[in-house]
Amino acid sequence: MSEQNLAQPVLTLQEEIKVPQVICRQKVQEFGDLQIPAPYGVTMDPCTGKLKQKIVLEPKGEPQIRVVQIIPDKIIVIGVVPVLLLVDGKLVIQKLEVPFQGILKCPGALPGDLVQLHDFQVEGFAVAPIQIPEDDCDSLRLHLILKVIVHYCIVVAKESILRVQAAKPC
């Protein structure tokens, strides 16, 4: 039995497709902090400079991005990490946002490019005491510095036109 050529004639067309072209891709680590007055009853040992109570920050939801702005060759990212503040295991502050920010180098980035942020992780928190003068400057008031470390991935792309040969059966 002889083979027959069953292929149909094909027309070739040149098509243009809009596609994202990656400019840069980075894993990012950002730090952020917030200074607040120490909650009532929180004290510091004046000899060691350490807090007498155990202060813990717990994440309350995912990090939130508030601003992503592109300037030539750089990306500005500003966000917050919602947290709970516990003193000796008791919830003391339930609505608190620790801000973080960063400026990332991305050669070739321009306003209008596409930015994607993903895979957010809060690596950890730290709490440190600091004494700040009161308004009268004669006494000190205990404050807390709340620190956060956030990791995420960023991808910056620009739209490009890709010309392709497309086949269209007759």
C-alpha atoms as a PDB file:
ATOM      1  CA  MET A   1       0.000   0.000   0.000  1.00  0.00           C
ATOM      2  CA  SER A   2       1.447   3.313  -0.991  1.00  0.00           C
ATOM      3  CA  GLU A   3       1.741   6.257   1.367  1.00  0.00           C
ATOM      4  CA  GLN A   4      -0.281   9.256   0.453  1.00  0.00           C
ATOM      5  CA  ASN A   5       0.715  12.773   1.385  1.00  0.00           C
ATOM      6  CA  LEU A   6      -2.197  13.955   3.497  1.00  0.00           C
ATOM      7  CA  ALA A   7      -0.582  17.297   4.436  1.00  0.00           C
ATOM      8  CA  GLN A   8      -2.608  20.302   3.504  1.00  0.00           C
ATOM      9  CA  PRO A   9      -1.013  23.418   2.104  1.00  0.00           C
ATOM     10  CA  VAL A  10       0.002  25.853   4.872  1.00  0.00           C
ATOM     11  CA  LEU A  11       0.047  29.627   4.689  1.00  0.00           C
ATOM     12  CA  THR A  12       2.704  31.369   6.711  1.00  0.00           C
ATOM     13  CA  LEU A  13       1.816  34.666   8.344  1.00  0.00           C
ATOM     14  CA  GLN A  14       3.996  37.039  10.268  1.00  0.00           C
ATOM     15  CA  GLU A  15       2.322  37.830  13.597  1.00  0.00           C
ATOM     16  CA  GLU A  16       3.232  40.271  16.343  1.00  0.00           C
ATOM     17  CA  ILE A  17       2.674  39.239  19.951  1.00  0.00           C
ATOM     18  CA  LYS A  18       3.067  41.463  22.995  1.00  0.00           C
ATOM     19  CA  VAL A  19       5.155  39.636  25.657  1.00  0.00           C
ATOM     20  CA  PRO A  20       6.827  40.630  28.928  1.00  0.00           C
ATOM     21  CA  GLN A  21      10.623  40.733  28.742  1.00  0.00           C
ATOM     22  CA  VAL A  22      12.321  40.306  32.131  1.00  0.00           C
ATOM     23  CA  ILE A  23      14.704  43.153  32.974  1.00  0.00           C
ATOM     24  CA  CYS A  24      15.719  41.957  36.424  1.00  0.00           C
ATOM     25  CA  ARG A  25      14.810  39.331  38.975  1.00  0.00           C
ATOM     26  CA  GLN A  26      16.009  39.436  42.574  1.00  0.00           C
ATOM     27  CA  LYS A  27      15.551  37.843  45.967  1.00  0.00           C
ATOM     28  CA  VAL A  28      15.265  40.703  48.422  1.00  0.00           C
ATOM     29  CA  GLN A  29      15.771  41.096  52.163  1.00  0.00           C
ATOM     30  CA  GLU A  30      14.381  44.266  53.729  1.00  0.00           C
ATOM     31  CA  PHE A  31      14.445  45.616  57.261  1.00  0.00           C
ATOM     32  CA  GLY A  32      11.913  47.834  58.911  1.00  0.00           C
ATOM     33  CA  ASP A  33      11.291  49.342  62.288  1.00  0.00           C
ATOM     34  CA  LEU A  34       8.808  51.261  64.364  1.00  0.00           C
ATOM     35  CA  GLN A  35       9.254  53.126  67.618  1.00  0.00           C
ATOM     36  CA  ILE A  36       6.350  53.153  70.074  1.00  0.00           C
ATOM     37  CA  PRO A  37       5.878  54.180  73.724  1.00  0.00           C
ATOM     38  CA  ALA A  38       6.263  51.124  75.950  1.00  0.00           C
ATOM     39  CA  PRO A  39       2.902  49.731  77.058  1.00  0.00           C
ATOM     40  CA  TYR A  40       1.852  50.416  80.647  1.00  0.00           C
ATOM     41  CA  GLY A  41       3.719  48.191  83.113  1.00  0.00           C
ATOM     42  CA  VAL A  42       6.679  47.450  80.825  1.00  0.00           C
ATOM     43  CA  THR A  43       9.930  48.348  82.575  1.00  0.00           C
ATOM     44  CA  MET A  44      13.645  48.185  81.928  1.00  0.00           C
ATOM     45  CA  ASP A  45      16.460  47.184  84.282  1.00  0.00           C
ATOM     46  CA  PRO A  46      18.590  50.360  84.530  1.00  0.00           C
ATOM     47  CA  CYS A  47      21.772  48.348  85.180  1.00  0.00           C
ATOM     48  CA  THR A  48      21.528  45.952  82.213  1.00  0.00           C
ATOM     49  CA  GLY A  49      19.359  48.003  79.844  1.00  0.00           C
ATOM     50  CA  LYS A  50      17.188  44.907  79.263  1.00  0.00           C
ATOM     51  CA  LEU A  51      13.433  44.689  79.530  1.00  0.00           C
ATOM     52  CA  LYS A  52      12.061  43.042  82.669  1.00  0.00           C
ATOM     53  CA  GLN A  53       9.091  41.590  80.762  1.00  0.00           C
ATOM     54  CA  LYS A  54       9.072  39.267  77.785  1.00  0.00           C
ATOM     55  CA  ILE A  55       7.866  41.212  74.721  1.00  0.00           C
ATOM     56  CA  VAL A  56       6.849  39.180  71.662  1.00  0.00           C
ATOM     57  CA  LEU A  57       5.676  40.290  68.228  1.00  0.00           C
ATOM     58  CA  GLU A  58       3.510  37.866  66.265  1.00  0.00           C
ATOM     59  CA  PRO A  59       2.520  38.325  62.619  1.00  0.00           C
ATOM     60  CA  LYS A  60      -1.153  39.101  62.048  1.00  0.00           C
ATOM     61  CA  GLY A  61      -1.653  38.316  58.387  1.00  0.00           C
ATOM     62  CA  GLU A  62       0.626  38.707  55.397  1.00  0.00           C
ATOM     63  CA  PRO A  63       2.953  41.631  54.671  1.00  0.00           C
ATOM     64  CA  GLN A  64       1.171  44.337  52.687  1.00  0.00           C
ATOM     65  CA  ILE A  65       2.731  46.420  49.933  1.00  0.00           C
ATOM     66  CA  ARG A  66       1.671  50.060  50.084  1.00  0.00           C
ATOM     67  CA  VAL A  67       3.882  51.609  47.375  1.00  0.00           C
ATOM     68  CA  VAL A  68       5.821  50.293  44.383  1.00  0.00           C
ATOM     69  CA  GLN A  69       7.370  53.088  42.354  1.00  0.00           C
ATOM     70  CA  ILE A  70       9.816  52.843  39.492  1.00  0.00           C
ATOM     71  CA  ILE A  71      12.378  55.531  38.880  1.00  0.00           C
ATOM     72  CA  PRO A  72      15.071  55.051  36.227  1.00  0.00           C
ATOM     73  CA  ASP A  73      17.187  52.014  37.179  1.00  0.00           C
ATOM     74  CA  LYS A  74      15.578  51.648  40.640  1.00  0.00           C
ATOM     75  CA  ILE A  75      12.439  50.273  42.286  1.00  0.00           C
ATOM     76  CA  ILE A  76      11.105  51.753  45.539  1.00  0.00           C
ATOM     77  CA  VAL A  77       9.070  49.331  47.662  1.00  0.00           C
ATOM     78  CA  ILE A  78       7.265  50.384  50.855  1.00  0.00           C
ATOM     79  CA  GLY A  79       5.146  48.002  52.904  1.00  0.00           C
ATOM     80  CA  VAL A  80       4.022  46.996  56.358  1.00  0.00           C
ATOM     81  CA  VAL A  81       3.870  43.845  58.437  1.00  0.00           C
ATOM     82  CA  PRO A  82       0.728  43.679  60.610  1.00  0.00           C
ATOM     83  CA  VAL A  83       1.607  42.384  64.099  1.00  0.00           C
ATOM     84  CA  LEU A  84       0.273  41.674  67.560  1.00  0.00           C
ATOM     85  CA  LEU A  85       2.290  42.768  70.614  1.00  0.00           C
ATOM     86  CA  LEU A  86       2.291  40.462  73.630  1.00  0.00           C
ATOM     87  CA  VAL A  87       3.729  41.213  77.071  1.00  0.00           C
ATOM     88  CA  ASP A  88       4.446  38.124  79.174  1.00  0.00           C
ATOM     89  CA  GLY A  89       2.114  36.128  76.896  1.00  0.00           C
ATOM     90  CA  LYS A  90      -0.823  38.557  77.167  1.00  0.00           C
ATOM     91  CA  LEU A  91      -2.105  40.426  74.126  1.00  0.00           C
ATOM     92  CA  VAL A  92      -1.519  44.135  74.758  1.00  0.00           C
ATOM     93  CA  ILE A  93      -1.712  45.704  71.282  1.00  0.00           C
ATOM     94  CA  GLN A  94      -3.704  43.960  68.576  1.00  0.00           C
ATOM     95  CA  LYS A  95      -3.421  46.474  65.722  1.00  0.00           C
ATOM     96  CA  LEU A  96       0.115  47.470  64.895  1.00  0.00           C
ATOM     97  CA  GLU A  97       1.949  47.807  61.577  1.00  0.00           C
ATOM     98  CA  VAL A  98       5.728  47.673  61.367  1.00  0.00           C
ATOM     99  CA  PRO A  99       6.832  49.438  58.161  1.00  0.00           C
ATOM    100  CA  PHE A 100       9.637  48.261  55.886  1.00  0.00           C
ATOM    101  CA  GLN A 101      11.101  49.813  52.777  1.00  0.00           C
ATOM    102  CA  GLY A 102      13.795  49.341  50.210  1.00  0.00           C
ATOM    103  CA  ILE A 103      15.334  50.773  47.087  1.00  0.00           C
ATOM    104  CA  LEU A 104      16.388  48.071  44.662  1.00  0.00           C
ATOM    105  CA  LYS A 105      18.824  48.555  41.801  1.00  0.00           C
ATOM    106  CA  CYS A 106      17.401  47.306  38.517  1.00  0.00           C
ATOM    107  CA  PRO A 107      19.421  48.553  35.522  1.00  0.00           C
ATOM    108  CA  GLY A 108      17.139  49.352  32.602  1.00  0.00           C
ATOM    109  CA  ALA A 109      13.951  49.752  34.665  1.00  0.00           C
ATOM    110  CA  LEU A 110      11.783  52.718  33.683  1.00  0.00           C
ATOM    111  CA  PRO A 111       8.450  54.125  34.880  1.00  0.00           C
ATOM    112  CA  GLY A 112       5.646  52.136  33.283  1.00  0.00           C
ATOM    113  CA  ASP A 113       7.447  48.780  33.450  1.00  0.00           C
ATOM    114  CA  LEU A 114       5.678  45.818  35.041  1.00  0.00           C
ATOM    115  CA  VAL A 115       6.592  44.855  38.628  1.00  0.00           C
ATOM    116  CA  GLN A 116       5.643  41.609  40.326  1.00  0.00           C
ATOM    117  CA  LEU A 117       6.352  40.900  44.010  1.00  0.00           C
ATOM    118  CA  HIS A 118       5.808  37.396  45.397  1.00  0.00           C
ATOM    119  CA  ASP A 119       6.850  34.754  47.954  1.00  0.00           C
ATOM    120  CA  PHE A 120       6.778  37.059  50.982  1.00  0.00           C
ATOM    121  CA  GLN A 121       8.214  35.662  54.199  1.00  0.00           C
ATOM    122  CA  VAL A 122       8.685  37.319  57.565  1.00  0.00           C
ATOM    123  CA  GLU A 123      12.031  36.015  58.790  1.00  0.00           C
ATOM    124  CA  GLY A 124      11.803  37.410  62.290  1.00  0.00           C
ATOM    125  CA  PHE A 125      11.272  40.215  64.760  1.00  0.00           C
ATOM    126  CA  ALA A 126      13.338  41.959  67.426  1.00  0.00           C
ATOM    127  CA  VAL A 127      12.309  44.295  70.239  1.00  0.00           C
ATOM    128  CA  ALA A 128      14.711  46.694  71.968  1.00  0.00           C
ATOM    129  CA  PRO A 129      14.159  49.303  74.705  1.00  0.00           C
ATOM    130  CA  ILE A 130      15.178  52.928  74.328  1.00  0.00           C
ATOM    131  CA  GLN A 131      14.648  55.848  76.692  1.00  0.00           C
ATOM    132  CA  ILE A 132      13.587  59.154  75.185  1.00  0.00           C
ATOM    133  CA  PRO A 133      13.388  62.494  77.005  1.00  0.00           C
ATOM    134  CA  GLU A 134       9.913  63.685  77.960  1.00  0.00           C
ATOM    135  CA  ASP A 135       8.714  67.116  76.818  1.00  0.00           C
ATOM    136  CA  ASP A 136      10.163  68.692  79.959  1.00  0.00           C
ATOM    137  CA  CYS A 137      13.588  67.142  79.167  1.00  0.00           C
ATOM    138  CA  ASP A 138      14.010  66.314  82.878  1.00  0.00           C
ATOM    139  CA  SER A 139      12.841  62.710  82.712  1.00  0.00           C
ATOM    140  CA  LEU A 140      13.040  59.776  80.347  1.00  0.00           C
ATOM    141  CA  ARG A 141      10.133  57.745  78.953  1.00  0.00           C
ATOM    142  CA  LEU A 142      10.594  54.117  77.949  1.00  0.00           C
ATOM    143  CA  HIS A 143       9.918  53.324  74.282  1.00  0.00           C
ATOM    144  CA  LEU A 144      10.277  50.142  72.244  1.00  0.00           C
ATOM    145  CA  ILE A 145      11.973  49.771  68.893  1.00  0.00           C
ATOM    146  CA  LEU A 146      10.201  47.041  66.916  1.00  0.00           C
ATOM    147  CA  LYS A 147      12.288  45.551  64.107  1.00  0.00           C
ATOM    148  CA  VAL A 148      11.196  43.201  61.291  1.00  0.00           C
ATOM    149  CA  ILE A 149      13.050  41.320  58.545  1.00  0.00           C
ATOM    150  CA  VAL A 150      11.103  40.509  55.352  1.00  0.00           C
ATOM    151  CA  HIS A 151      12.144  38.395  52.350  1.00  0.00           C
ATOM    152  CA  TYR A 152      10.470  38.406  48.937  1.00  0.00           C
ATOM    153  CA  CYS A 153      11.118  38.038  45.226  1.00  0.00           C
ATOM    154  CA  ILE A 154      10.746  40.844  42.703  1.00  0.00           C
ATOM    155  CA  VAL A 155      10.498  40.562  38.925  1.00  0.00           C
ATOM    156  CA  VAL A 156      10.592  43.639  36.688  1.00  0.00           C
ATOM    157  CA  ALA A 157       9.635  43.355  33.031  1.00  0.00           C
ATOM    158  CA  LYS A 158       8.819  45.572  30.078  1.00  0.00           C
ATOM    159  CA  GLU A 159       6.417  44.786  27.315  1.00  0.00           C
ATOM    160  CA  SER A 160       8.043  43.932  24.000  1.00  0.00           C
ATOM    161  CA  ILE A 161       6.684  43.066  20.575  1.00  0.00           C
ATOM    162  CA  LEU A 162       7.756  39.633  19.409  1.00  0.00           C
ATOM    163  CA  ARG A 163       7.465  38.840  15.692  1.00  0.00           C
ATOM    164  CA  VAL A 164       6.751  35.213  14.931  1.00  0.00           C
ATOM    165  CA  GLN A 165       5.998  33.124  11.894  1.00  0.00           C
ATOM    166  CA  ALA A 166       2.574  31.621  12.373  1.00  0.00           C
ATOM    167  CA  ALA A 167       1.156  28.827  10.302  1.00  0.00           C
ATOM    168  CA  LYS A 168      -2.485  28.921   9.273  1.00  0.00           C
ATOM    169  CA  PRO A 169      -3.925  25.809   7.624  1.00  0.00           C
ATOM    170  CA  CYS A 170      -5.826  26.399   4.379  1.00  0.00           C
END
